Amino acid sequence: MTNGMPIEDVSIGSDGIRLGQFLKFAGVFDSGGDVKEAIIDGLVTVNGEVDRRRGRQLQVGDVVAAEGRRVRVRP
């Protein structure tokens, strides 16, 4: 489903960031409430797998998909 989408690189300025923070930082969602709802509803994938943990620690290279976008964590 998401394989044909281009991947956007988003630099976080560090080695790690939480999933919820990253989705907001990358501009995938406008508010923390939208992030929380999408994650709970299973609309967010990390490296191709649904992840319902808003506090999941992402690492450089992880690819997050939501809202028709794929975004890769960069340092």
PDB file of N, CA and C in Angstrom:
ATOM      1  N   MET A   1       0.815  -1.191   0.000  1.00  0.00           N
ATOM      2  CA  MET A   1       0.000   0.000   0.000  1.00  0.00           C
ATOM      3  C   MET A   1       0.861   1.260   0.000  1.00  0.00           C
ATOM      4  N   THR A   2       1.912   1.298   0.807  1.00  0.00           N
ATOM      5  CA  THR A   2       2.740   2.505   0.890  1.00  0.00           C
ATOM      6  C   THR A   2       4.020   2.389   0.080  1.00  0.00           C
ATOM      7  N   ASN A   3       4.263   1.243  -0.538  1.00  0.00           N
ATOM      8  CA  ASN A   3       5.539   1.017  -1.202  1.00  0.00           C
ATOM      9  C   ASN A   3       5.814   1.962  -2.361  1.00  0.00           C
ATOM     10  N   GLY A   4       4.781   2.446  -3.041  1.00  0.00           N
ATOM     11  CA  GLY A   4       4.990   3.312  -4.184  1.00  0.00           C
ATOM     12  C   GLY A   4       5.226   4.771  -3.829  1.00  0.00           C
ATOM     13  N   MET A   5       5.004   5.128  -2.583  1.00  0.00           N
ATOM     14  CA  MET A   5       5.171   6.517  -2.162  1.00  0.00           C
ATOM     15  C   MET A   5       6.637   6.862  -1.991  1.00  0.00           C
ATOM     16  N   PRO A   6       7.014   8.073  -2.393  1.00  0.00           N
ATOM     17  CA  PRO A   6       8.388   8.491  -2.132  1.00  0.00           C
ATOM     18  C   PRO A   6       8.608   8.658  -0.629  1.00  0.00           C
ATOM     19  N   ILE A   7       9.854   8.543  -0.234  1.00  0.00           N
ATOM     20  CA  ILE A   7      10.199   8.707   1.181  1.00  0.00           C
ATOM     21  C   ILE A   7      10.815  10.089   1.373  1.00  0.00           C
ATOM     22  N   GLU A   8      10.269  10.833   2.312  1.00  0.00           N
ATOM     23  CA  GLU A   8      10.821  12.140   2.668  1.00  0.00           C
ATOM     24  C   GLU A   8      11.783  11.945   3.839  1.00  0.00           C
ATOM     25  N   ASP A   9      12.934  12.578   3.794  1.00  0.00           N
ATOM     26  CA  ASP A   9      13.865  12.544   4.914  1.00  0.00           C
ATOM     27  C   ASP A   9      13.619  13.753   5.804  1.00  0.00           C
ATOM     28  N   VAL A  10      13.516  13.517   7.111  1.00  0.00           N
ATOM     29  CA  VAL A  10      13.328  14.598   8.073  1.00  0.00           C
ATOM     30  C   VAL A  10      14.425  14.492   9.119  1.00  0.00           C
ATOM     31  N   SER A  11      15.239  15.542   9.212  1.00  0.00           N
ATOM     32  CA  SER A  11      16.331  15.574  10.183  1.00  0.00           C
ATOM     33  C   SER A  11      15.801  15.983  11.544  1.00  0.00           C
ATOM     34  N   ILE A  12      16.114  15.167  12.562  1.00  0.00           N
ATOM     35  CA  ILE A  12      15.622  15.450  13.909  1.00  0.00           C
ATOM     36  C   ILE A  12      16.682  16.104  14.789  1.00  0.00           C
ATOM     37  N   GLY A  13      17.910  16.187  14.310  1.00  0.00           N
ATOM     38  CA  GLY A  13      18.968  16.853  15.078  1.00  0.00           C
ATOM     39  C   GLY A  13      19.500  16.051  16.246  1.00  0.00           C
ATOM     40  N   SER A  14      19.137  14.755  16.311  1.00  0.00           N
ATOM     41  CA  SER A  14      19.649  13.886  17.374  1.00  0.00           C
ATOM     42  C   SER A  14      19.562  12.443  16.886  1.00  0.00           C
ATOM     43  N   ASP A  15      19.823  11.502  17.782  1.00  0.00           N
ATOM     44  CA  ASP A  15      19.824  10.097  17.390  1.00  0.00           C
ATOM     45  C   ASP A  15      18.468   9.424  17.517  1.00  0.00           C
ATOM     46  N   GLY A  16      17.561   9.991  18.311  1.00  0.00           N
ATOM     47  CA  GLY A  16      16.279   9.342  18.524  1.00  0.00           C
ATOM     48  C   GLY A  16      15.178  10.337  18.851  1.00  0.00           C
ATOM     49  N   ILE A  17      13.932   9.906  18.631  1.00  0.00           N
ATOM     50  CA  ILE A  17      12.763  10.736  18.911  1.00  0.00           C
ATOM     51  C   ILE A  17      11.583   9.789  19.082  1.00  0.00           C
ATOM     52  N   ARG A  18      10.607  10.187  19.872  1.00  0.00           N
ATOM     53  CA  ARG A  18       9.421   9.361  20.062  1.00  0.00           C
ATOM     54  C   ARG A  18       8.488   9.489  18.852  1.00  0.00           C
ATOM     55  N   LEU A  19       7.738   8.422  18.589  1.00  0.00           N
ATOM     56  CA  LEU A  19       6.861   8.358  17.424  1.00  0.00           C
ATOM     57  C   LEU A  19       5.890   9.536  17.373  1.00  0.00           C
ATOM     58  N   GLY A  20       5.206   9.809  18.461  1.00  0.00           N
ATOM     59  CA  GLY A  20       4.242  10.907  18.494  1.00  0.00           C
ATOM     60  C   GLY A  20       4.883  12.250  18.204  1.00  0.00           C
ATOM     61  N   GLN A  21       6.036  12.481  18.804  1.00  0.00           N
ATOM     62  CA  GLN A  21       6.760  13.736  18.582  1.00  0.00           C
ATOM     63  C   GLN A  21       7.183  13.865  17.127  1.00  0.00           C
ATOM     64  N   PHE A  22       7.660  12.773  16.558  1.00  0.00           N
ATOM     65  CA  PHE A  22       8.157  12.804  15.190  1.00  0.00           C
ATOM     66  C   PHE A  22       7.044  13.124  14.198  1.00  0.00           C
ATOM     67  N   LEU A  23       5.878  12.513  14.375  1.00  0.00           N
ATOM     68  CA  LEU A  23       4.762  12.766  13.452  1.00  0.00           C
ATOM     69  C   LEU A  23       4.365  14.237  13.451  1.00  0.00           C
ATOM     70  N   LYS A  24       4.404  14.847  14.608  1.00  0.00           N
ATOM     71  CA  LYS A  24       4.061  16.272  14.695  1.00  0.00           C
ATOM     72  C   LYS A  24       5.210  17.117  14.138  1.00  0.00           C
ATOM     73  N   PHE A  25       6.433  16.785  14.509  1.00  0.00           N
ATOM     74  CA  PHE A  25       7.620  17.522  14.056  1.00  0.00           C
ATOM     75  C   PHE A  25       7.747  17.504  12.533  1.00  0.00           C
ATOM     76  N   ALA A  26       7.446  16.353  11.932  1.00  0.00           N
ATOM     77  CA  ALA A  26       7.568  16.202  10.479  1.00  0.00           C
ATOM     78  C   ALA A  26       6.390  16.843   9.735  1.00  0.00           C
ATOM     79  N   GLY A  27       5.394  17.305  10.478  1.00  0.00           N
ATOM     80  CA  GLY A  27       4.250  17.961   9.855  1.00  0.00           C
ATOM     81  C   GLY A  27       3.234  17.003   9.267  1.00  0.00           C
ATOM     82  N   VAL A  28       3.293  15.736   9.665  1.00  0.00           N
ATOM     83  CA  VAL A  28       2.323  14.764   9.172  1.00  0.00           C
ATOM     84  C   VAL A  28       0.949  15.061   9.776  1.00  0.00           C
ATOM     85  N   PHE A  29       0.942  15.457  11.047  1.00  0.00           N
ATOM     86  CA  PHE A  29      -0.285  15.868  11.738  1.00  0.00           C
ATOM     87  C   PHE A  29      -0.069  17.247  12.352  1.00  0.00           C
ATOM     88  N   ASP A  30      -1.164  17.986  12.482  1.00  0.00           N
ATOM     89  CA  ASP A  30      -1.085  19.348  13.009  1.00  0.00           C
ATOM     90  C   ASP A  30      -1.084  19.407  14.528  1.00  0.00           C
ATOM     91  N   SER A  31      -1.723  18.437  15.166  1.00  0.00           N
ATOM     92  CA  SER A  31      -1.840  18.513  16.622  1.00  0.00           C
ATOM     93  C   SER A  31      -1.522  17.177  17.273  1.00  0.00           C
ATOM     94  N   GLY A  32      -1.174  17.266  18.547  1.00  0.00           N
ATOM     95  CA  GLY A  32      -0.903  16.057  19.313  1.00  0.00           C
ATOM     96  C   GLY A  32      -2.130  15.171  19.414  1.00  0.00           C
ATOM     97  N   GLY A  33      -3.315  15.791  19.459  1.00  0.00           N
ATOM     98  CA  GLY A  33      -4.556  15.021  19.522  1.00  0.00           C
ATOM     99  C   GLY A  33      -4.762  14.193  18.272  1.00  0.00           C
ATOM    100  N   ASP A  34      -4.458  14.786  17.110  1.00  0.00           N
ATOM    101  CA  ASP A  34      -4.575  14.055  15.846  1.00  0.00           C
ATOM    102  C   ASP A  34      -3.591  12.889  15.805  1.00  0.00           C
ATOM    103  N   VAL A  35      -2.375  13.130  16.296  1.00  0.00           N
ATOM    104  CA  VAL A  35      -1.350  12.083  16.347  1.00  0.00           C
ATOM    105  C   VAL A  35      -1.844  10.920  17.201  1.00  0.00           C
ATOM    106  N   LYS A  36      -2.305  11.243  18.403  1.00  0.00           N
ATOM    107  CA  LYS A  36      -2.757  10.213  19.346  1.00  0.00           C
ATOM    108  C   LYS A  36      -3.876   9.375  18.736  1.00  0.00           C
ATOM    109  N   GLU A  37      -4.861  10.030  18.138  1.00  0.00           N
ATOM    110  CA  GLU A  37      -5.995   9.330  17.543  1.00  0.00           C
ATOM    111  C   GLU A  37      -5.554   8.402  16.409  1.00  0.00           C
ATOM    112  N   ALA A  38      -4.685   8.896  15.529  1.00  0.00           N
ATOM    113  CA  ALA A  38      -4.221   8.094  14.398  1.00  0.00           C
ATOM    114  C   ALA A  38      -3.441   6.864  14.866  1.00  0.00           C
ATOM    115  N   ILE A  39      -2.603   7.041  15.883  1.00  0.00           N
ATOM    116  CA  ILE A  39      -1.813   5.920  16.403  1.00  0.00           C
ATOM    117  C   ILE A  39      -2.730   4.886  17.048  1.00  0.00           C
ATOM    118  N   ILE A  40      -3.669   5.347  17.879  1.00  0.00           N
ATOM    119  CA  ILE A  40      -4.604   4.435  18.539  1.00  0.00           C
ATOM    120  C   ILE A  40      -5.439   3.666  17.515  1.00  0.00           C
ATOM    121  N   ASP A  41      -5.839   4.341  16.447  1.00  0.00           N
ATOM    122  CA  ASP A  41      -6.669   3.727  15.415  1.00  0.00           C
ATOM    123  C   ASP A  41      -5.884   2.815  14.473  1.00  0.00           C
ATOM    124  N   GLY A  42      -4.555   2.707  14.659  1.00  0.00           N
ATOM    125  CA  GLY A  42      -3.745   1.816  13.839  1.00  0.00           C
ATOM    126  C   GLY A  42      -3.462   2.351  12.447  1.00  0.00           C
ATOM    127  N   LEU A  43      -3.474   3.673  12.301  1.00  0.00           N
ATOM    128  CA  LEU A  43      -3.269   4.297  10.993  1.00  0.00           C
ATOM    129  C   LEU A  43      -1.821   4.683  10.730  1.00  0.00           C
ATOM    130  N   VAL A  44      -0.927   4.325  11.654  1.00  0.00           N
ATOM    131  CA  VAL A  44       0.482   4.687  11.535  1.00  0.00           C
ATOM    132  C   VAL A  44       1.317   3.409  11.498  1.00  0.00           C
ATOM    133  N   THR A  45       2.256   3.350  10.541  1.00  0.00           N
ATOM    134  CA  THR A  45       3.165   2.209  10.506  1.00  0.00           C
ATOM    135  C   THR A  45       4.605   2.690  10.700  1.00  0.00           C
ATOM    136  N   VAL A  46       5.398   1.823  11.302  1.00  0.00           N
ATOM    137  CA  VAL A  46       6.833   2.058  11.460  1.00  0.00           C
ATOM    138  C   VAL A  46       7.529   0.878  10.800  1.00  0.00           C
ATOM    139  N   ASN A  47       8.332   1.173   9.792  1.00  0.00           N
ATOM    140  CA  ASN A  47       9.029   0.128   9.042  1.00  0.00           C
ATOM    141  C   ASN A  47       8.058  -0.940   8.526  1.00  0.00           C
ATOM    142  N   GLY A  48       6.876  -0.485   8.084  1.00  0.00           N
ATOM    143  CA  GLY A  48       5.908  -1.370   7.466  1.00  0.00           C
ATOM    144  C   GLY A  48       4.961  -2.091   8.401  1.00  0.00           C
ATOM    145  N   GLU A  49       5.093  -1.887   9.713  1.00  0.00           N
ATOM    146  CA  GLU A  49       4.228  -2.568  10.675  1.00  0.00           C
ATOM    147  C   GLU A  49       3.461  -1.557  11.499  1.00  0.00           C
ATOM    148  N   VAL A  50       2.176  -1.820  11.726  1.00  0.00           N
ATOM    149  CA  VAL A  50       1.359  -0.935  12.556  1.00  0.00           C
ATOM    150  C   VAL A  50       1.964  -0.878  13.958  1.00  0.00           C
ATOM    151  N   ASP A  51       2.071   0.327  14.499  1.00  0.00           N
ATOM    152  CA  ASP A  51       2.576   0.495  15.862  1.00  0.00           C
ATOM    153  C   ASP A  51       1.646   1.446  16.600  1.00  0.00           C
ATOM    154  N   ARG A  52       1.090   0.989  17.694  1.00  0.00           N
ATOM    155  CA  ARG A  52       0.130   1.790  18.460  1.00  0.00           C
ATOM    156  C   ARG A  52       0.760   2.410  19.707  1.00  0.00           C
ATOM    157  N   ARG A  53       2.083   2.501  19.718  1.00  0.00           N
ATOM    158  CA  ARG A  53       2.781   3.076  20.883  1.00  0.00           C
ATOM    159  C   ARG A  53       3.280   4.485  20.542  1.00  0.00           C
ATOM    160  N   ARG A  54       2.567   5.475  21.023  1.00  0.00           N
ATOM    161  CA  ARG A  54       2.950   6.864  20.746  1.00  0.00           C
ATOM    162  C   ARG A  54       4.351   7.162  21.279  1.00  0.00           C
ATOM    163  N   GLY A  55       4.726   6.502  22.365  1.00  0.00           N
ATOM    164  CA  GLY A  55       6.023   6.739  22.979  1.00  0.00           C
ATOM    165  C   GLY A  55       7.143   5.872  22.420  1.00  0.00           C
ATOM    166  N   ARG A  56       6.867   5.100  21.369  1.00  0.00           N
ATOM    167  CA  ARG A  56       7.911   4.255  20.778  1.00  0.00           C
ATOM    168  C   ARG A  56       9.109   5.112  20.393  1.00  0.00           C
ATOM    169  N   GLN A  57      10.282   4.671  20.768  1.00  0.00           N
ATOM    170  CA  GLN A  57      11.506   5.394  20.452  1.00  0.00           C
ATOM    171  C   GLN A  57      11.944   5.037  19.038  1.00  0.00           C
ATOM    172  N   LEU A  58      11.938   6.020  18.146  1.00  0.00           N
ATOM    173  CA  LEU A  58      12.402   5.805  16.780  1.00  0.00           C
ATOM    174  C   LEU A  58      13.900   5.988  16.708  1.00  0.00           C
ATOM    175  N   GLN A  59      14.512   5.308  15.769  1.00  0.00           N
ATOM    176  CA  GLN A  59      15.940   5.418  15.547  1.00  0.00           C
ATOM    177  C   GLN A  59      16.183   5.972  14.148  1.00  0.00           C
ATOM    178  N   VAL A  60      17.364   6.510  13.938  1.00  0.00           N
ATOM    179  CA  VAL A  60      17.733   7.006  12.612  1.00  0.00           C
ATOM    180  C   VAL A  60      17.563   5.876  11.596  1.00  0.00           C
ATOM    181  N   GLY A  61      16.888   6.176  10.497  1.00  0.00           N
ATOM    182  CA  GLY A  61      16.649   5.190   9.447  1.00  0.00           C
ATOM    183  C   GLY A  61      15.257   4.591   9.464  1.00  0.00           C
ATOM    184  N   ASP A  62      14.547   4.716  10.590  1.00  0.00           N
ATOM    185  CA  ASP A  62      13.177   4.211  10.652  1.00  0.00           C
ATOM    186  C   ASP A  62      12.304   4.979   9.663  1.00  0.00           C
ATOM    187  N   VAL A  63      11.347   4.286   9.043  1.00  0.00           N
ATOM    188  CA  VAL A  63      10.418   4.907   8.100  1.00  0.00           C
ATOM    189  C   VAL A  63       9.015   4.829   8.688  1.00  0.00           C
ATOM    190  N   VAL A  64       8.407   6.002   8.844  1.00  0.00           N
ATOM    191  CA  VAL A  64       7.067   6.106   9.403  1.00  0.00           C
ATOM    192  C   VAL A  64       6.105   6.483   8.279  1.00  0.00           C
ATOM    193  N   ALA A  65       4.970   5.785   8.204  1.00  0.00           N
ATOM    194  CA  ALA A  65       3.974   6.083   7.175  1.00  0.00           C
ATOM    195  C   ALA A  65       2.635   6.424   7.820  1.00  0.00           C
ATOM    196  N   ALA A  66       2.021   7.503   7.329  1.00  0.00           N
ATOM    197  CA  ALA A  66       0.691   7.936   7.780  1.00  0.00           C
ATOM    198  C   ALA A  66       0.207   9.027   6.854  1.00  0.00           C
ATOM    199  N   GLU A  67      -1.110   9.141   6.734  1.00  0.00           N
ATOM    200  CA  GLU A  67      -1.702  10.227   5.954  1.00  0.00           C
ATOM    201  C   GLU A  67      -1.170  10.290   4.520  1.00  0.00           C
ATOM    202  N   GLY A  68      -0.867   9.130   3.946  1.00  0.00           N
ATOM    203  CA  GLY A  68      -0.387   9.102   2.570  1.00  0.00           C
ATOM    204  C   GLY A  68       1.047   9.565   2.394  1.00  0.00           C
ATOM    205  N   ARG A  69       1.800   9.616   3.481  1.00  0.00           N
ATOM    206  CA  ARG A  69       3.213  10.039   3.415  1.00  0.00           C
ATOM    207  C   ARG A  69       4.095   8.985   4.052  1.00  0.00           C
ATOM    208  N   ARG A  70       5.331   8.893   3.554  1.00  0.00           N
ATOM    209  CA  ARG A  70       6.367   8.069   4.193  1.00  0.00           C
ATOM    210  C   ARG A  70       7.509   8.992   4.550  1.00  0.00           C
ATOM    211  N   VAL A  71       7.912   8.965   5.818  1.00  0.00           N
ATOM    212  CA  VAL A  71       8.918   9.884   6.322  1.00  0.00           C
ATOM    213  C   VAL A  71       9.992   9.088   7.045  1.00  0.00           C
ATOM    214  N   ARG A  72      11.273   9.323   6.673  1.00  0.00           N
ATOM    215  CA  ARG A  72      12.395   8.614   7.260  1.00  0.00           C
ATOM    216  C   ARG A  72      13.102   9.502   8.281  1.00  0.00           C
ATOM    217  N   VAL A  73      13.423   8.920   9.419  1.00  0.00           N
ATOM    218  CA  VAL A  73      14.146   9.629  10.486  1.00  0.00           C
ATOM    219  C   VAL A  73      15.607   9.798  10.074  1.00  0.00           C
ATOM    220  N   ARG A  74      16.089  11.008  10.104  1.00  0.00           N
ATOM    221  CA  ARG A  74      17.491  11.325   9.823  1.00  0.00           C
ATOM    222  C   ARG A  74      18.087  12.107  10.974  1.00  0.00           C
ATOM    223  N   PRO A  75      19.401  11.968  11.204  1.00  0.00           N
ATOM    224  CA  PRO A  75      20.018  12.679  12.339  1.00  0.00           C
ATOM    225  C   PRO A  75      20.054  14.190  12.138  1.00  0.00           C
TER     226      PRO A  75
END
